[in-house]
Amino acid sequence: MMYLAHYGMSAAPFGLTPNTAFYVDLPIHQQAMAVLSVALSQGEGFIKVTGEVGTGKTLLCRKLLQEAPEHFALAYIPDPHLSPLELRWALALELGLKHSANIDPQQLTQLLQRQLVLLAQQQKQVVLLIDEAQALPDETLEALRLLTNLETEQRKLLQVVLFGQPELNQRLALYQFRQLRQRISFSYDLSVLNRNQVACYVNARLQLAGASPLFSHSALWLLHYYSRGIPRLINILAHKALMLGYGKALQRIGCYQIMQAARDTDDVRSGTGSGFWWPLLAPAALLVLWYWLPGGGW
């Protein structure tokens, strides 16, 4: 990255690829991990984590994969566009079975059950993690519910964690998914970051990259405004602002760089044109209004 040496960084802190090396343990993520930890310790049912696009669901999923205790056997499915048979094969392969075209669906289910029983005998707790779960086909969601029917007399053989966008909640609210919905033992909704959390997030990532705080207070304010507190948008805007700062040989990033980055980015809070100046003009307008009100003054 062209600006790394200029700002004294060892790595790019605002990449779009979820990177656990730049995980920032903010309260919302602490709470999500706490819910996952408690839910997984129960060993039963579905767990659901939802959040808007870009709020860090995949990063949480990877963090869980990285930090799960040794007695967990984790299976990870990043692409949910699977038929019921493809889902069963994906799980089978994750659990160490070999693919064979000679195995029919019924035999595959039997093999899966045997493998799950074997892992249970080895004191392994099998957890299936599905990212972008809102895209699971209807019939695959039902097949997933049926997979969780596999059990011994003591416990379930498979636990499922669904990571998805809010559309997942809408789908599960449908009558046809009432059986699956009743099996969701824990759920957590990821919120966006507030203004203080945005500042902590940005400065923590800069520190992890080996740099000191580079964004002015007003730049961080605007970064929160334009990004709406969505980590992915924060990363995009911060990265572009650093590129603009590097182009001008700046040592600090200010409002102008954030506004220029926002102009070049889709899905920011404001539209185009004069809307980008409103975050700066609004405080000044309120100050003037306060001055002219009875009892006001500088």
Protein backbone atom coordinates (compact mmCIF):
# COMPACT_ATOMS: atom_id res chain seq x y z
CA MET A 1 0.00 0.00 0.00
CA MET A 2 1.49 3.31 -1.09
CA TYR A 3 0.84 5.24 2.13
CA LEU A 4 2.17 2.68 4.63
CA ALA A 5 5.73 4.03 4.87
CA HIS A 6 4.51 7.64 4.90
CA TYR A 7 2.39 7.03 7.99
CA GLY A 8 4.73 4.50 9.61
CA MET A 9 2.45 1.51 9.21
CA SER A 10 3.45 -2.14 9.04
CA ALA A 11 0.19 -3.20 7.36
CA ALA A 12 -2.92 -1.62 5.86
CA PRO A 13 -5.35 -1.10 8.76
CA PHE A 14 -8.55 -0.57 6.78
CA GLY A 15 -8.77 -3.44 4.32
CA LEU A 16 -12.13 -4.82 3.21
CA THR A 17 -11.19 -8.47 3.77
CA PRO A 18 -12.20 -9.51 7.32
CA ASN A 19 -8.88 -9.85 9.14
CA THR A 20 -8.82 -11.05 12.73
CA ALA A 21 -5.40 -9.40 13.19
CA PHE A 22 -7.30 -6.09 13.14
CA TYR A 23 -10.20 -7.23 15.31
CA VAL A 24 -11.22 -4.46 17.73
CA ASP A 25 -12.97 -5.71 20.84
CA LEU A 26 -15.70 -3.08 21.05
CA PRO A 27 -18.66 -3.53 23.45
CA ILE A 28 -21.04 -4.70 20.71
CA HIS A 29 -18.58 -7.38 19.63
CA GLN A 30 -17.81 -8.35 23.23
CA GLN A 31 -21.53 -8.86 23.79
CA ALA A 32 -21.89 -10.90 20.60
CA MET A 33 -18.96 -13.15 21.54
CA ALA A 34 -20.35 -13.54 25.06
CA VAL A 35 -23.73 -14.64 23.67
CA LEU A 36 -22.00 -17.11 21.35
CA SER A 37 -19.89 -18.48 24.19
CA VAL A 38 -22.89 -19.02 26.47
CA ALA A 39 -25.04 -20.44 23.69
CA LEU A 40 -22.38 -22.90 22.52
CA SER A 41 -21.82 -24.07 26.08
CA GLN A 42 -25.46 -25.21 26.16
CA GLY A 43 -24.84 -27.56 23.24
CA GLU A 44 -28.35 -27.43 21.79
CA GLY A 45 -30.41 -25.60 19.22
CA PHE A 46 -29.72 -22.91 16.70
CA ILE A 47 -27.87 -19.66 17.39
CA LYS A 48 -28.57 -16.62 15.22
CA VAL A 49 -26.39 -13.53 14.76
CA THR A 50 -27.80 -10.85 12.49
CA GLY A 51 -26.63 -7.42 11.41
CA GLU A 52 -26.72 -5.00 8.53
CA VAL A 53 -24.32 -5.38 5.61
CA GLY A 54 -20.81 -4.47 6.73
CA THR A 55 -21.32 -4.65 10.50
CA GLY A 56 -18.73 -7.40 11.04
CA LYS A 57 -20.60 -10.71 11.01
CA THR A 58 -17.96 -12.52 8.94
CA LEU A 59 -15.19 -11.17 11.16
CA LEU A 60 -17.01 -12.52 14.23
CA CYS A 61 -17.41 -15.85 12.50
CA ARG A 62 -13.69 -16.03 11.75
CA LYS A 63 -12.86 -14.93 15.29
CA LEU A 64 -14.98 -17.80 16.59
CA LEU A 65 -13.23 -20.24 14.26
CA GLN A 66 -9.87 -18.98 15.50
CA GLU A 67 -10.56 -18.98 19.23
CA ALA A 68 -12.92 -21.92 19.78
CA PRO A 69 -11.78 -24.36 22.49
CA GLU A 70 -10.13 -27.61 21.40
CA HIS A 71 -13.16 -29.76 22.19
CA PHE A 72 -15.14 -28.01 19.43
CA ALA A 73 -15.20 -29.49 15.94
CA LEU A 74 -16.18 -26.53 13.77
CA ALA A 75 -17.53 -26.82 10.23
CA TYR A 76 -17.64 -23.59 8.22
CA ILE A 77 -19.82 -22.96 5.18
CA PRO A 78 -19.18 -19.52 3.63
CA ASP A 79 -21.41 -20.03 0.58
CA PRO A 80 -25.04 -20.79 1.52
CA HIS A 81 -26.36 -21.19 -2.03
CA LEU A 82 -26.59 -24.96 -1.60
CA SER A 83 -29.22 -27.58 -2.23
CA PRO A 84 -30.06 -29.92 0.68
CA LEU A 85 -27.76 -32.59 -0.77
CA GLU A 86 -24.94 -30.07 -1.30
CA LEU A 87 -25.35 -28.89 2.28
CA ARG A 88 -25.02 -32.42 3.63
CA TRP A 89 -21.95 -33.04 1.49
CA ALA A 90 -20.40 -29.72 2.57
CA LEU A 91 -20.85 -30.71 6.21
CA ALA A 92 -19.55 -34.21 5.55
CA LEU A 93 -16.39 -32.93 3.91
CA GLU A 94 -15.81 -30.44 6.74
CA LEU A 95 -16.06 -33.34 9.20
CA GLY A 96 -13.45 -35.39 7.36
CA LEU A 97 -15.54 -37.71 5.16
CA LYS A 98 -14.53 -38.38 1.57
CA HIS A 99 -16.74 -37.55 -1.39
CA SER A 100 -18.07 -40.42 -3.50
CA ALA A 101 -20.53 -40.33 -6.39
CA ASN A 102 -21.71 -43.81 -5.40
CA ILE A 103 -23.25 -42.63 -2.12
CA ASP A 104 -26.94 -41.80 -2.32
CA PRO A 105 -28.64 -39.18 -0.07
CA GLN A 106 -29.90 -41.73 2.44
CA GLN A 107 -26.48 -43.36 2.76
CA LEU A 108 -24.90 -39.91 3.16
CA THR A 109 -27.23 -39.10 6.05
CA GLN A 110 -26.31 -42.40 7.71
CA LEU A 111 -22.60 -41.72 7.23
CA LEU A 112 -23.03 -38.24 8.68
CA GLN A 113 -24.79 -39.63 11.73
CA ARG A 114 -22.04 -42.19 12.29
CA GLN A 115 -19.37 -39.50 12.01
CA LEU A 116 -21.24 -37.25 14.43
CA VAL A 117 -21.63 -40.11 16.92
CA LEU A 118 -17.90 -40.90 16.58
CA LEU A 119 -16.98 -37.27 17.27
CA ALA A 120 -19.33 -37.22 20.26
CA GLN A 121 -17.61 -40.33 21.62
CA GLN A 122 -14.34 -38.42 21.29
CA GLN A 123 -15.89 -35.66 23.44
CA LYS A 124 -16.07 -33.33 20.45
CA GLN A 125 -18.87 -30.80 20.15
CA VAL A 126 -19.76 -30.29 16.48
CA VAL A 127 -20.85 -26.81 15.46
CA LEU A 128 -21.83 -25.80 11.94
CA LEU A 129 -21.21 -22.12 11.12
CA ILE A 130 -23.10 -20.72 8.12
CA ASP A 131 -22.26 -17.26 6.84
CA GLU A 132 -24.71 -15.17 4.79
CA ALA A 133 -27.47 -17.47 6.03
CA GLN A 134 -30.23 -15.21 4.67
CA ALA A 135 -29.40 -16.68 1.24
CA LEU A 136 -30.10 -20.30 2.20
CA PRO A 137 -32.83 -21.76 -0.06
CA ASP A 138 -36.08 -22.69 1.68
CA GLU A 139 -35.63 -26.42 1.20
CA THR A 140 -32.05 -26.18 2.53
CA LEU A 141 -33.24 -24.41 5.67
CA GLU A 142 -35.64 -27.28 6.27
CA ALA A 143 -32.89 -29.83 5.60
CA LEU A 144 -30.74 -27.99 8.14
CA ARG A 145 -33.48 -28.33 10.76
CA LEU A 146 -33.73 -32.05 10.06
CA LEU A 147 -29.97 -32.44 10.48
CA THR A 148 -30.25 -31.07 14.01
CA ASN A 149 -32.64 -33.95 14.81
CA LEU A 150 -29.60 -36.23 14.91
CA GLU A 151 -28.95 -36.96 18.58
CA THR A 152 -27.99 -39.45 21.22
CA GLU A 153 -30.03 -40.05 24.37
CA GLN A 154 -27.95 -37.41 26.12
CA ARG A 155 -27.53 -34.59 23.64
CA LYS A 156 -27.80 -33.19 20.14
CA LEU A 157 -25.03 -34.22 17.76
CA LEU A 158 -25.01 -30.95 15.85
CA GLN A 159 -25.37 -27.31 16.78
CA VAL A 160 -25.84 -24.57 14.15
CA VAL A 161 -24.83 -20.90 14.16
CA LEU A 162 -26.47 -18.74 11.50
CA PHE A 163 -24.79 -15.45 10.58
CA GLY A 164 -27.04 -13.34 8.38
CA GLN A 165 -28.46 -10.00 7.35
CA PRO A 166 -31.78 -8.73 8.82
CA GLU A 167 -33.60 -10.43 5.94
CA LEU A 168 -32.91 -13.69 7.78
CA ASN A 169 -35.25 -12.56 10.59
CA GLN A 170 -37.96 -11.79 8.03
CA ARG A 171 -37.66 -15.22 6.45
CA LEU A 172 -37.68 -17.09 9.74
CA ALA A 173 -40.81 -15.18 10.76
CA LEU A 174 -42.73 -16.98 8.00
CA TYR A 175 -45.19 -19.67 9.11
CA GLN A 176 -43.37 -22.41 7.19
CA PHE A 177 -40.25 -21.94 9.35
CA ARG A 178 -42.01 -21.97 12.71
CA GLN A 179 -40.38 -25.27 13.72
CA LEU A 180 -36.89 -23.98 13.00
CA ARG A 181 -37.68 -20.63 14.65
CA GLN A 182 -38.66 -22.39 17.87
CA ARG A 183 -35.26 -24.08 17.95
CA ILE A 184 -33.34 -20.81 18.05
CA SER A 185 -32.11 -20.80 21.63
CA PHE A 186 -30.00 -17.61 21.45
CA SER A 187 -29.89 -14.67 19.08
CA TYR A 188 -27.98 -11.40 18.85
CA ASP A 189 -28.43 -8.36 16.60
CA LEU A 190 -25.24 -6.46 15.78
CA SER A 191 -25.76 -2.71 15.96
CA VAL A 192 -23.77 -0.01 14.18
CA LEU A 193 -21.03 1.92 16.01
CA ASN A 194 -21.76 5.16 17.82
CA ARG A 195 -19.49 8.19 17.49
CA ASN A 196 -17.18 7.27 20.38
CA GLN A 197 -16.93 3.69 19.14
CA VAL A 198 -15.98 4.89 15.65
CA ALA A 199 -13.09 6.88 17.14
CA CYS A 200 -11.97 3.88 19.24
CA TYR A 201 -12.28 1.58 16.24
CA VAL A 202 -10.22 3.81 13.92
CA ASN A 203 -7.50 4.59 16.46
CA ALA A 204 -7.24 0.96 17.59
CA ARG A 205 -6.76 -0.22 14.02
CA LEU A 206 -4.12 2.45 13.43
CA GLN A 207 -2.32 1.31 16.57
CA LEU A 208 -2.43 -2.32 15.44
CA ALA A 209 -0.85 -1.18 12.16
CA GLY A 210 1.94 0.58 14.09
CA ALA A 211 0.74 4.16 13.55
CA SER A 212 -0.26 6.91 15.97
CA PRO A 213 -3.73 8.56 15.78
CA LEU A 214 -3.92 10.32 12.41
CA PHE A 215 -7.51 11.57 12.19
CA SER A 216 -8.55 14.87 13.72
CA HIS A 217 -11.58 14.95 16.05
CA SER A 218 -13.66 16.67 13.39
CA ALA A 219 -12.54 14.11 10.79
CA LEU A 220 -13.68 11.29 13.08
CA TRP A 221 -17.01 13.08 13.59
CA LEU A 222 -17.52 13.24 9.84
CA LEU A 223 -16.36 9.66 9.44
CA HIS A 224 -19.13 8.57 11.79
CA TYR A 225 -21.66 10.78 10.02
CA TYR A 226 -20.96 9.56 6.50
CA SER A 227 -20.44 5.87 7.41
CA ARG A 228 -23.49 5.69 9.70
CA GLY A 229 -21.27 3.67 12.04
CA ILE A 230 -20.97 0.73 9.61
CA PRO A 231 -17.44 -0.76 9.94
CA ARG A 232 -17.11 -1.63 6.25
CA LEU A 233 -17.92 1.94 5.20
CA ILE A 234 -15.60 3.27 7.90
CA ASN A 235 -12.80 1.17 6.39
CA ILE A 236 -13.53 2.38 2.86
CA LEU A 237 -13.65 6.05 3.84
CA ALA A 238 -10.61 5.89 6.12
CA HIS A 239 -8.55 4.11 3.45
CA LYS A 240 -9.46 6.68 0.80
CA ALA A 241 -8.79 9.55 3.20
CA LEU A 242 -5.33 8.16 3.94
CA MET A 243 -4.62 7.92 0.22
CA LEU A 244 -5.69 11.54 -0.24
CA GLY A 245 -3.55 12.61 2.72
CA TYR A 246 -0.57 10.75 1.33
CA GLY A 247 -1.06 12.47 -2.04
CA LYS A 248 -0.74 15.86 -0.30
CA ALA A 249 2.06 14.69 2.03
CA LEU A 250 -0.15 15.38 5.06
CA GLN A 251 0.65 14.04 8.51
CA ARG A 252 -2.94 14.42 9.76
CA ILE A 253 -6.27 13.62 8.16
CA GLY A 254 -8.90 16.35 8.40
CA CYS A 255 -12.46 17.08 7.33
CA TYR A 256 -11.59 17.81 3.72
CA GLN A 257 -10.09 14.34 3.14
CA ILE A 258 -13.15 12.64 4.68
CA MET A 259 -15.56 14.70 2.57
CA GLN A 260 -13.61 13.96 -0.60
CA ALA A 261 -13.57 10.27 0.28
CA ALA A 262 -17.33 10.38 0.87
CA ARG A 263 -17.93 12.04 -2.51
CA ASP A 264 -16.21 9.08 -4.13
CA THR A 265 -18.09 6.41 -2.16
CA ASP A 266 -21.51 4.91 -2.75
CA ASP A 267 -23.91 4.34 0.13
CA VAL A 268 -22.68 7.13 2.38
CA ARG A 269 -25.25 8.98 4.48
CA SER A 270 -25.59 12.10 2.29
CA GLY A 271 -26.25 12.36 -1.40
CA THR A 272 -24.05 14.50 -3.59
CA GLY A 273 -23.48 18.20 -3.94
CA SER A 274 -24.38 20.52 -1.08
CA GLY A 275 -25.43 17.62 1.13
CA PHE A 276 -21.79 16.87 1.83
CA TRP A 277 -21.28 20.28 3.47
CA TRP A 278 -24.25 20.01 5.81
CA PRO A 279 -22.36 18.18 8.59
CA LEU A 280 -19.97 21.14 8.82
CA LEU A 281 -22.58 23.88 8.37
CA ALA A 282 -25.10 22.44 10.84
CA PRO A 283 -23.06 23.09 14.03
CA ALA A 284 -22.30 26.64 12.91
CA ALA A 285 -25.97 27.29 12.11
CA LEU A 286 -27.05 25.99 15.51
CA LEU A 287 -24.46 28.18 17.21
CA VAL A 288 -25.73 31.30 15.42
CA LEU A 289 -29.33 30.40 16.26
CA TRP A 290 -28.43 29.93 19.92
CA TYR A 291 -26.74 33.35 19.96
CA TRP A 292 -29.84 35.14 18.70
CA LEU A 293 -32.27 33.37 21.02
CA PRO A 294 -33.28 35.23 24.22
CA GLY A 295 -30.70 34.53 26.87
CA GLY A 296 -28.12 33.43 24.33
CA GLY A 297 -24.70 34.92 23.74
CA TRP A 298 -21.14 33.97 22.97
